[in-house]
Amino acid sequence: MEEIFKASRWKDTFAPDEVILSDTGVTFKINEIIGGSENFVFYKDISGIEIDKGLLFATIKVIPRARQEIVIENFTKDDAEKIKAIILSKVQLS
């Protein structure tokens, strides 16, 4: 089962970032008008997750065990909290 969350189109009209939660891990798609990047992290490899809340939007920081943190921006505060809760529940199970 996959669950997909997209960043706000209000901040990035053409290429909003995405977080895709699957049974085994999380895919972070950082989209650009031309190109972008995609990172996959297994739940068992996540050591922490942080949310920085702004006035309207939130930034999600995922801290993997053996590599640089992944930062993905412009999610609604509610979506950021849902993403964090789902990831934390999966991390505790693995």
PDB file of N, CA and C in Angstrom:
ATOM      1  N   MET A   1       0.837  -1.175   0.000  1.00  0.00           N
ATOM      2  CA  MET A   1       0.000   0.000   0.000  1.00  0.00           C
ATOM      3  C   MET A   1       0.890   1.250   0.000  1.00  0.00           C
ATOM      4  N   GLU A   2       0.661   2.133  -0.913  1.00  0.00           N
ATOM      5  CA  GLU A   2       1.391   3.393  -0.967  1.00  0.00           C
ATOM      6  C   GLU A   2       0.482   4.545  -0.581  1.00  0.00           C
ATOM      7  N   GLU A   3       1.078   5.503   0.110  1.00  0.00           N
ATOM      8  CA  GLU A   3       0.371   6.726   0.448  1.00  0.00           C
ATOM      9  C   GLU A   3       1.236   7.886  -0.038  1.00  0.00           C
ATOM     10  N   ILE A   4       0.652   8.786  -0.827  1.00  0.00           N
ATOM     11  CA  ILE A   4       1.407   9.876  -1.438  1.00  0.00           C
ATOM     12  C   ILE A   4       0.943  11.210  -0.866  1.00  0.00           C
ATOM     13  N   PHE A   5       1.917  12.015  -0.456  1.00  0.00           N
ATOM     14  CA  PHE A   5       1.661  13.373   0.021  1.00  0.00           C
ATOM     15  C   PHE A   5       2.402  14.329  -0.899  1.00  0.00           C
ATOM     16  N   LYS A   6       1.733  15.384  -1.332  1.00  0.00           N
ATOM     17  CA  LYS A   6       2.361  16.382  -2.203  1.00  0.00           C
ATOM     18  C   LYS A   6       2.452  17.715  -1.476  1.00  0.00           C
ATOM     19  N   ALA A   7       3.550  18.407  -1.741  1.00  0.00           N
ATOM     20  CA  ALA A   7       3.748  19.734  -1.169  1.00  0.00           C
ATOM     21  C   ALA A   7       2.744  20.702  -1.779  1.00  0.00           C
ATOM     22  N   SER A   8       2.630  21.838  -1.173  1.00  0.00           N
ATOM     23  CA  SER A   8       1.680  22.846  -1.619  1.00  0.00           C
ATOM     24  C   SER A   8       1.987  23.350  -3.024  1.00  0.00           C
ATOM     25  N   ARG A   9       0.992  23.426  -3.855  1.00  0.00           N
ATOM     26  CA  ARG A   9       1.146  24.009  -5.192  1.00  0.00           C
ATOM     27  C   ARG A   9       1.182  25.533  -5.112  1.00  0.00           C
ATOM     28  N   TRP A  10       0.754  26.064  -3.997  1.00  0.00           N
ATOM     29  CA  TRP A  10       0.761  27.513  -3.816  1.00  0.00           C
ATOM     30  C   TRP A  10       2.192  28.042  -3.800  1.00  0.00           C
ATOM     31  N   LYS A  11       3.116  27.295  -3.181  1.00  0.00           N
ATOM     32  CA  LYS A  11       4.512  27.709  -3.119  1.00  0.00           C
ATOM     33  C   LYS A  11       5.294  27.286  -4.363  1.00  0.00           C
ATOM     34  N   ASP A  12       4.928  26.157  -4.969  1.00  0.00           N
ATOM     35  CA  ASP A  12       5.625  25.658  -6.158  1.00  0.00           C
ATOM     36  C   ASP A  12       4.571  25.133  -7.130  1.00  0.00           C
ATOM     37  N   THR A  13       4.117  25.982  -8.014  1.00  0.00           N
ATOM     38  CA  THR A  13       2.994  25.685  -8.896  1.00  0.00           C
ATOM     39  C   THR A  13       3.252  24.533  -9.848  1.00  0.00           C
ATOM     40  N   PHE A  14       4.465  24.445 -10.393  1.00  0.00           N
ATOM     41  CA  PHE A  14       4.720  23.500 -11.473  1.00  0.00           C
ATOM     42  C   PHE A  14       5.261  22.151 -11.032  1.00  0.00           C
ATOM     43  N   ALA A  15       6.041  22.112  -9.976  1.00  0.00           N
ATOM     44  CA  ALA A  15       6.687  20.857  -9.602  1.00  0.00           C
ATOM     45  C   ALA A  15       6.746  20.690  -8.079  1.00  0.00           C
ATOM     46  N   PRO A  16       5.607  20.427  -7.437  1.00  0.00           N
ATOM     47  CA  PRO A  16       5.641  20.256  -5.976  1.00  0.00           C
ATOM     48  C   PRO A  16       6.367  18.966  -5.584  1.00  0.00           C
ATOM     49  N   ASP A  17       7.068  19.021  -4.445  1.00  0.00           N
ATOM     50  CA  ASP A  17       7.766  17.850  -3.936  1.00  0.00           C
ATOM     51  C   ASP A  17       6.760  16.809  -3.460  1.00  0.00           C
ATOM     52  N   GLU A  18       7.222  15.557  -3.341  1.00  0.00           N
ATOM     53  CA  GLU A  18       6.345  14.472  -2.915  1.00  0.00           C
ATOM     54  C   GLU A  18       7.033  13.593  -1.878  1.00  0.00           C
ATOM     55  N   VAL A  19       6.228  13.039  -0.987  1.00  0.00           N
ATOM     56  CA  VAL A  19       6.661  11.998  -0.067  1.00  0.00           C
ATOM     57  C   VAL A  19       5.768  10.801  -0.334  1.00  0.00           C
ATOM     58  N   ILE A  20       6.390   9.668  -0.648  1.00  0.00           N
ATOM     59  CA  ILE A  20       5.643   8.448  -0.956  1.00  0.00           C
ATOM     60  C   ILE A  20       5.984   7.417   0.108  1.00  0.00           C
ATOM     61  N   LEU A  21       4.978   7.043   0.889  1.00  0.00           N
ATOM     62  CA  LEU A  21       5.156   6.069   1.959  1.00  0.00           C
ATOM     63  C   LEU A  21       4.702   4.700   1.467  1.00  0.00           C
ATOM     64  N   SER A  22       5.599   3.720   1.518  1.00  0.00           N
ATOM     65  CA  SER A  22       5.255   2.364   1.101  1.00  0.00           C
ATOM     66  C   SER A  22       5.372   1.435   2.312  1.00  0.00           C
ATOM     67  N   ASP A  23       5.216   0.142   2.090  1.00  0.00           N
ATOM     68  CA  ASP A  23       5.313  -0.812   3.191  1.00  0.00           C
ATOM     69  C   ASP A  23       6.736  -0.946   3.726  1.00  0.00           C
ATOM     70  N   THR A  24       7.746  -0.714   2.864  1.00  0.00           N
ATOM     71  CA  THR A  24       9.131  -0.948   3.271  1.00  0.00           C
ATOM     72  C   THR A  24       9.931   0.313   3.577  1.00  0.00           C
ATOM     73  N   GLY A  25       9.512   1.459   3.024  1.00  0.00           N
ATOM     74  CA  GLY A  25      10.286   2.666   3.232  1.00  0.00           C
ATOM     75  C   GLY A  25       9.615   3.901   2.664  1.00  0.00           C
ATOM     76  N   VAL A  26      10.394   4.985   2.586  1.00  0.00           N
ATOM     77  CA  VAL A  26       9.887   6.284   2.152  1.00  0.00           C
ATOM     78  C   VAL A  26      10.686   6.756   0.938  1.00  0.00           C
ATOM     79  N   THR A  27       9.966   7.257  -0.064  1.00  0.00           N
ATOM     80  CA  THR A  27      10.597   7.881  -1.216  1.00  0.00           C
ATOM     81  C   THR A  27      10.349   9.378  -1.132  1.00  0.00           C
ATOM     82  N   PHE A  28      11.414  10.151  -1.277  1.00  0.00           N
ATOM     83  CA  PHE A  28      11.335  11.606  -1.274  1.00  0.00           C
ATOM     84  C   PHE A  28      11.647  12.090  -2.677  1.00  0.00           C
ATOM     85  N   LYS A  29      10.666  12.688  -3.335  1.00  0.00           N
ATOM     86  CA  LYS A  29      10.868  13.217  -4.680  1.00  0.00           C
ATOM     87  C   LYS A  29      10.935  14.738  -4.597  1.00  0.00           C
ATOM     88  N   ILE A  30      12.108  15.267  -4.901  1.00  0.00           N
ATOM     89  CA  ILE A  30      12.291  16.716  -4.928  1.00  0.00           C
ATOM     90  C   ILE A  30      12.269  17.107  -6.392  1.00  0.00           C
ATOM     91  N   ASN A  31      11.167  17.703  -6.803  1.00  0.00           N
ATOM     92  CA  ASN A  31      10.928  18.001  -8.209  1.00  0.00           C
ATOM     93  C   ASN A  31      11.404  19.401  -8.569  1.00  0.00           C
ATOM     94  N   GLU A  32      11.926  19.517  -9.750  1.00  0.00           N
ATOM     95  CA  GLU A  32      12.314  20.790 -10.345  1.00  0.00           C
ATOM     96  C   GLU A  32      11.571  20.889 -11.670  1.00  0.00           C
ATOM     97  N   ILE A  33      11.505  22.070 -12.247  1.00  0.00           N
ATOM     98  CA  ILE A  33      10.851  22.207 -13.552  1.00  0.00           C
ATOM     99  C   ILE A  33      11.544  21.305 -14.571  1.00  0.00           C
ATOM    100  N   ILE A  34      12.879  21.272 -14.492  1.00  0.00           N
ATOM    101  CA  ILE A  34      13.649  20.351 -15.332  1.00  0.00           C
ATOM    102  C   ILE A  34      14.463  19.472 -14.395  1.00  0.00           C
ATOM    103  N   GLY A  35      14.104  18.196 -14.316  1.00  0.00           N
ATOM    104  CA  GLY A  35      14.850  17.261 -13.484  1.00  0.00           C
ATOM    105  C   GLY A  35      14.341  17.201 -12.065  1.00  0.00           C
ATOM    106  N   GLY A  36      15.268  16.927 -11.154  1.00  0.00           N
ATOM    107  CA  GLY A  36      14.931  16.770  -9.750  1.00  0.00           C
ATOM    108  C   GLY A  36      15.707  15.603  -9.177  1.00  0.00           C
ATOM    109  N   SER A  37      15.361  15.193  -7.978  1.00  0.00           N
ATOM    110  CA  SER A  37      16.037  14.050  -7.369  1.00  0.00           C
ATOM    111  C   SER A  37      15.025  13.194  -6.624  1.00  0.00           C
ATOM    112  N   GLU A  38      15.420  11.946  -6.416  1.00  0.00           N
ATOM    113  CA  GLU A  38      14.570  10.994  -5.717  1.00  0.00           C
ATOM    114  C   GLU A  38      15.444  10.192  -4.761  1.00  0.00           C
ATOM    115  N   ASN A  39      15.043  10.129  -3.492  1.00  0.00           N
ATOM    116  CA  ASN A  39      15.772   9.370  -2.476  1.00  0.00           C
ATOM    117  C   ASN A  39      14.824   8.376  -1.838  1.00  0.00           C
ATOM    118  N   PHE A  40      15.297   7.145  -1.655  1.00  0.00           N
ATOM    119  CA  PHE A  40      14.528   6.121  -0.959  1.00  0.00           C
ATOM    120  C   PHE A  40      15.273   5.743   0.303  1.00  0.00           C
ATOM    121  N   VAL A  41      14.528   5.642   1.415  1.00  0.00           N
ATOM    122  CA  VAL A  41      15.110   5.245   2.694  1.00  0.00           C
ATOM    123  C   VAL A  41      14.216   4.166   3.300  1.00  0.00           C
ATOM    124  N   PHE A  42      14.828   3.039   3.679  1.00  0.00           N
ATOM    125  CA  PHE A  42      14.082   2.008   4.403  1.00  0.00           C
ATOM    126  C   PHE A  42      13.735   2.543   5.788  1.00  0.00           C
ATOM    127  N   TYR A  43      12.572   2.143   6.303  1.00  0.00           N
ATOM    128  CA  TYR A  43      12.166   2.602   7.635  1.00  0.00           C
ATOM    129  C   TYR A  43      13.213   2.248   8.686  1.00  0.00           C
ATOM    130  N   LYS A  44      13.813   1.055   8.572  1.00  0.00           N
ATOM    131  CA  LYS A  44      14.798   0.609   9.565  1.00  0.00           C
ATOM    132  C   LYS A  44      16.056   1.477   9.569  1.00  0.00           C
ATOM    133  N   ASP A  45      16.285   2.239   8.498  1.00  0.00           N
ATOM    134  CA  ASP A  45      17.465   3.093   8.399  1.00  0.00           C
ATOM    135  C   ASP A  45      17.217   4.533   8.860  1.00  0.00           C
ATOM    136  N   ILE A  46      16.024   4.832   9.334  1.00  0.00           N
ATOM    137  CA  ILE A  46      15.689   6.181   9.781  1.00  0.00           C
ATOM    138  C   ILE A  46      15.960   6.295  11.285  1.00  0.00           C
ATOM    139  N   SER A  47      16.781   7.271  11.652  1.00  0.00           N
ATOM    140  CA  SER A  47      17.085   7.447  13.071  1.00  0.00           C
ATOM    141  C   SER A  47      16.296   8.598  13.698  1.00  0.00           C
ATOM    142  N   GLY A  48      15.693   9.465  12.869  1.00  0.00           N
ATOM    143  CA  GLY A  48      14.907  10.557  13.415  1.00  0.00           C
ATOM    144  C   GLY A  48      14.178  11.331  12.344  1.00  0.00           C
ATOM    145  N   ILE A  49      13.194  12.092  12.788  1.00  0.00           N
ATOM    146  CA  ILE A  49      12.430  12.952  11.882  1.00  0.00           C
ATOM    147  C   ILE A  49      12.070  14.225  12.648  1.00  0.00           C
ATOM    148  N   GLU A  50      12.224  15.356  11.970  1.00  0.00           N
ATOM    149  CA  GLU A  50      11.917  16.647  12.586  1.00  0.00           C
ATOM    150  C   GLU A  50      10.997  17.432  11.663  1.00  0.00           C
ATOM    151  N   ILE A  51      10.189  18.292  12.269  1.00  0.00           N
ATOM    152  CA  ILE A  51       9.321  19.178  11.497  1.00  0.00           C
ATOM    153  C   ILE A  51       9.590  20.609  11.966  1.00  0.00           C
ATOM    154  N   ASP A  52       9.910  21.465  11.017  1.00  0.00           N
ATOM    155  CA  ASP A  52      10.038  22.894  11.288  1.00  0.00           C
ATOM    156  C   ASP A  52       8.784  23.568  10.746  1.00  0.00           C
ATOM    157  N   LYS A  53       7.998  24.141  11.646  1.00  0.00           N
ATOM    158  CA  LYS A  53       6.736  24.752  11.240  1.00  0.00           C
ATOM    159  C   LYS A  53       6.904  26.252  11.043  1.00  0.00           C
ATOM    160  N   GLY A  54       6.455  26.717   9.895  1.00  0.00           N
ATOM    161  CA  GLY A  54       6.420  28.145   9.623  1.00  0.00           C
ATOM    162  C   GLY A  54       5.027  28.672   9.861  1.00  0.00           C
ATOM    163  N   LEU A  55       4.758  29.837   9.348  1.00  0.00           N
ATOM    164  CA  LEU A  55       3.448  30.445   9.524  1.00  0.00           C
ATOM    165  C   LEU A  55       2.349  29.620   8.849  1.00  0.00           C
ATOM    166  N   LEU A  56       2.584  29.203   7.604  1.00  0.00           N
ATOM    167  CA  LEU A  56       1.596  28.427   6.860  1.00  0.00           C
ATOM    168  C   LEU A  56       2.041  27.012   6.528  1.00  0.00           C
ATOM    169  N   PHE A  57       3.340  26.827   6.294  1.00  0.00           N
ATOM    170  CA  PHE A  57       3.827  25.541   5.801  1.00  0.00           C
ATOM    171  C   PHE A  57       4.906  24.977   6.713  1.00  0.00           C
ATOM    172  N   ALA A  58       5.244  23.712   6.475  1.00  0.00           N
ATOM    173  CA  ALA A  58       6.228  23.024   7.296  1.00  0.00           C
ATOM    174  C   ALA A  58       7.313  22.402   6.422  1.00  0.00           C
ATOM    175  N   THR A  59       8.494  22.264   7.010  1.00  0.00           N
ATOM    176  CA  THR A  59       9.617  21.579   6.385  1.00  0.00           C
ATOM    177  C   THR A  59       9.863  20.296   7.155  1.00  0.00           C
ATOM    178  N   ILE A  60      10.013  19.196   6.426  1.00  0.00           N
ATOM    179  CA  ILE A  60      10.237  17.893   7.037  1.00  0.00           C
ATOM    180  C   ILE A  60      11.715  17.534   6.856  1.00  0.00           C
ATOM    181  N   LYS A  61      12.358  17.139   7.952  1.00  0.00           N
ATOM    182  CA  LYS A  61      13.753  16.698   7.901  1.00  0.00           C
ATOM    183  C   LYS A  61      13.811  15.256   8.398  1.00  0.00           C
ATOM    184  N   VAL A  62      14.260  14.372   7.529  1.00  0.00           N
ATOM    185  CA  VAL A  62      14.407  12.969   7.893  1.00  0.00           C
ATOM    186  C   VAL A  62      15.901  12.688   8.043  1.00  0.00           C
ATOM    187  N   ILE A  63      16.267  12.064   9.144  1.00  0.00           N
ATOM    188  CA  ILE A  63      17.664  11.793   9.436  1.00  0.00           C
ATOM    189  C   ILE A  63      17.924  10.291   9.306  1.00  0.00           C
ATOM    190  N   PRO A  64      18.514   9.895   8.173  1.00  0.00           N
ATOM    191  CA  PRO A  64      18.892   8.480   8.006  1.00  0.00           C
ATOM    192  C   PRO A  64      20.143   8.164   8.824  1.00  0.00           C
ATOM    193  N   ARG A  65      20.369   6.902   9.094  1.00  0.00           N
ATOM    194  CA  ARG A  65      21.512   6.490   9.919  1.00  0.00           C
ATOM    195  C   ARG A  65      22.859   6.709   9.232  1.00  0.00           C
ATOM    196  N   ALA A  66      22.983   6.408   7.972  1.00  0.00           N
ATOM    197  CA  ALA A  66      24.308   6.374   7.344  1.00  0.00           C
ATOM    198  C   ALA A  66      24.502   7.397   6.231  1.00  0.00           C
ATOM    199  N   ARG A  67      23.656   8.400   6.179  1.00  0.00           N
ATOM    200  CA  ARG A  67      23.834   9.419   5.143  1.00  0.00           C
ATOM    201  C   ARG A  67      23.249  10.744   5.583  1.00  0.00           C
ATOM    202  N   GLN A  68      23.397  11.721   4.697  1.00  0.00           N
ATOM    203  CA  GLN A  68      22.974  13.090   4.978  1.00  0.00           C
ATOM    204  C   GLN A  68      21.456  13.189   5.138  1.00  0.00           C
ATOM    205  N   GLU A  69      21.017  14.136   5.985  1.00  0.00           N
ATOM    206  CA  GLU A  69      19.582  14.315   6.196  1.00  0.00           C
ATOM    207  C   GLU A  69      18.892  14.728   4.891  1.00  0.00           C
ATOM    208  N   ILE A  70      17.623  14.372   4.793  1.00  0.00           N
ATOM    209  CA  ILE A  70      16.808  14.706   3.628  1.00  0.00           C
ATOM    210  C   ILE A  70      15.829  15.787   4.065  1.00  0.00           C
ATOM    211  N   VAL A  71      15.813  16.895   3.334  1.00  0.00           N
ATOM    212  CA  VAL A  71      14.947  18.026   3.667  1.00  0.00           C
ATOM    213  C   VAL A  71      13.955  18.208   2.526  1.00  0.00           C
ATOM    214  N   ILE A  72      12.693  18.276   2.876  1.00  0.00           N
ATOM    215  CA  ILE A  72      11.640  18.448   1.880  1.00  0.00           C
ATOM    216  C   ILE A  72      10.668  19.494   2.423  1.00  0.00           C
ATOM    217  N   GLU A  73      10.320  20.467   1.587  1.00  0.00           N
ATOM    218  CA  GLU A  73       9.657  21.680   2.064  1.00  0.00           C
ATOM    219  C   GLU A  73       8.247  21.867   1.514  1.00  0.00           C
ATOM    220  N   ASN A  74       7.548  22.825   2.150  1.00  0.00           N
ATOM    221  CA  ASN A  74       6.262  23.364   1.695  1.00  0.00           C
ATOM    222  C   ASN A  74       5.080  22.410   1.817  1.00  0.00           C
ATOM    223  N   PHE A  75       5.083  21.600   2.871  1.00  0.00           N
ATOM    224  CA  PHE A  75       3.926  20.758   3.152  1.00  0.00           C
ATOM    225  C   PHE A  75       3.026  21.479   4.143  1.00  0.00           C
ATOM    226  N   THR A  76       1.736  21.184   4.091  1.00  0.00           N
ATOM    227  CA  THR A  76       0.861  21.756   5.102  1.00  0.00           C
ATOM    228  C   THR A  76       1.274  21.185   6.458  1.00  0.00           C
ATOM    229  N   LYS A  77       0.972  21.896   7.502  1.00  0.00           N
ATOM    230  CA  LYS A  77       1.334  21.425   8.837  1.00  0.00           C
ATOM    231  C   LYS A  77       0.659  20.093   9.148  1.00  0.00           C
ATOM    232  N   ASP A  78      -0.599  19.953   8.743  1.00  0.00           N
ATOM    233  CA  ASP A  78      -1.328  18.696   8.975  1.00  0.00           C
ATOM    234  C   ASP A  78      -0.676  17.529   8.247  1.00  0.00           C
ATOM    235  N   ASP A  79      -0.334  17.722   6.975  1.00  0.00           N
ATOM    236  CA  ASP A  79       0.315  16.657   6.208  1.00  0.00           C
ATOM    237  C   ASP A  79       1.669  16.305   6.816  1.00  0.00           C
ATOM    238  N   ALA A  80       2.428  17.307   7.247  1.00  0.00           N
ATOM    239  CA  ALA A  80       3.730  17.046   7.864  1.00  0.00           C
ATOM    240  C   ALA A  80       3.572  16.199   9.128  1.00  0.00           C
ATOM    241  N   GLU A  81       2.580  16.502   9.933  1.00  0.00           N
ATOM    242  CA  GLU A  81       2.337  15.720  11.158  1.00  0.00           C
ATOM    243  C   GLU A  81       1.898  14.292  10.822  1.00  0.00           C
ATOM    244  N   LYS A  82       1.062  14.134   9.794  1.00  0.00           N
ATOM    245  CA  LYS A  82       0.640  12.791   9.366  1.00  0.00           C
ATOM    246  C   LYS A  82       1.824  11.984   8.872  1.00  0.00           C
ATOM    247  N   ILE A  83       2.675  12.607   8.049  1.00  0.00           N
ATOM    248  CA  ILE A  83       3.861  11.925   7.530  1.00  0.00           C
ATOM    249  C   ILE A  83       4.755  11.487   8.688  1.00  0.00           C
ATOM    250  N   LYS A  84       4.983  12.380   9.631  1.00  0.00           N
ATOM    251  CA  LYS A  84       5.822  12.059  10.787  1.00  0.00           C
ATOM    252  C   LYS A  84       5.235  10.892  11.578  1.00  0.00           C
ATOM    253  N   ALA A  85       3.946  10.920  11.843  1.00  0.00           N
ATOM    254  CA  ALA A  85       3.295   9.861  12.618  1.00  0.00           C
ATOM    255  C   ALA A  85       3.405   8.511  11.916  1.00  0.00           C
ATOM    256  N   ILE A  86       3.170   8.499  10.609  1.00  0.00           N
ATOM    257  CA  ILE A  86       3.246   7.241   9.864  1.00  0.00           C
ATOM    258  C   ILE A  86       4.674   6.698   9.867  1.00  0.00           C
ATOM    259  N   ILE A  87       5.648   7.577   9.605  1.00  0.00           N
ATOM    260  CA  ILE A  87       7.044   7.133   9.590  1.00  0.00           C
ATOM    261  C   ILE A  87       7.456   6.604  10.960  1.00  0.00           C
ATOM    262  N   LEU A  88       7.117   7.326  12.029  1.00  0.00           N
ATOM    263  CA  LEU A  88       7.482   6.873  13.368  1.00  0.00           C
ATOM    264  C   LEU A  88       6.840   5.535  13.722  1.00  0.00           C
ATOM    265  N   SER A  89       5.599   5.318  13.305  1.00  0.00           N
ATOM    266  CA  SER A  89       4.946   4.035  13.589  1.00  0.00           C
ATOM    267  C   SER A  89       5.632   2.899  12.836  1.00  0.00           C
ATOM    268  N   LYS A  90       6.070   3.165  11.605  1.00  0.00           N
ATOM    269  CA  LYS A  90       6.759   2.135  10.814  1.00  0.00           C
ATOM    270  C   LYS A  90       8.169   1.895  11.345  1.00  0.00           C
ATOM    271  N   VAL A  91       8.847   2.952  11.812  1.00  0.00           N
ATOM    272  CA  VAL A  91      10.203   2.810  12.348  1.00  0.00           C
ATOM    273  C   VAL A  91      10.168   1.925  13.607  1.00  0.00           C
ATOM    274  N   GLN A  92       9.159   2.117  14.440  1.00  0.00           N
ATOM    275  CA  GLN A  92       9.047   1.333  15.663  1.00  0.00           C
ATOM    276  C   GLN A  92       8.743  -0.121  15.368  1.00  0.00           C
ATOM    277  N   LEU A  93       8.064  -0.418  14.260  1.00  0.00           N
ATOM    278  CA  LEU A  93       7.753  -1.795  13.906  1.00  0.00           C
ATOM    279  C   LEU A  93       8.936  -2.535  13.311  1.00  0.00           C
ATOM    280  N   SER A  94       9.866  -1.796  12.674  1.00  0.00           N
ATOM    281  CA  SER A  94      10.977  -2.488  12.013  1.00  0.00           C
ATOM    282  C   SER A  94      12.152  -2.715  12.922  1.00  0.00           C
TER     283      SER A  94
END
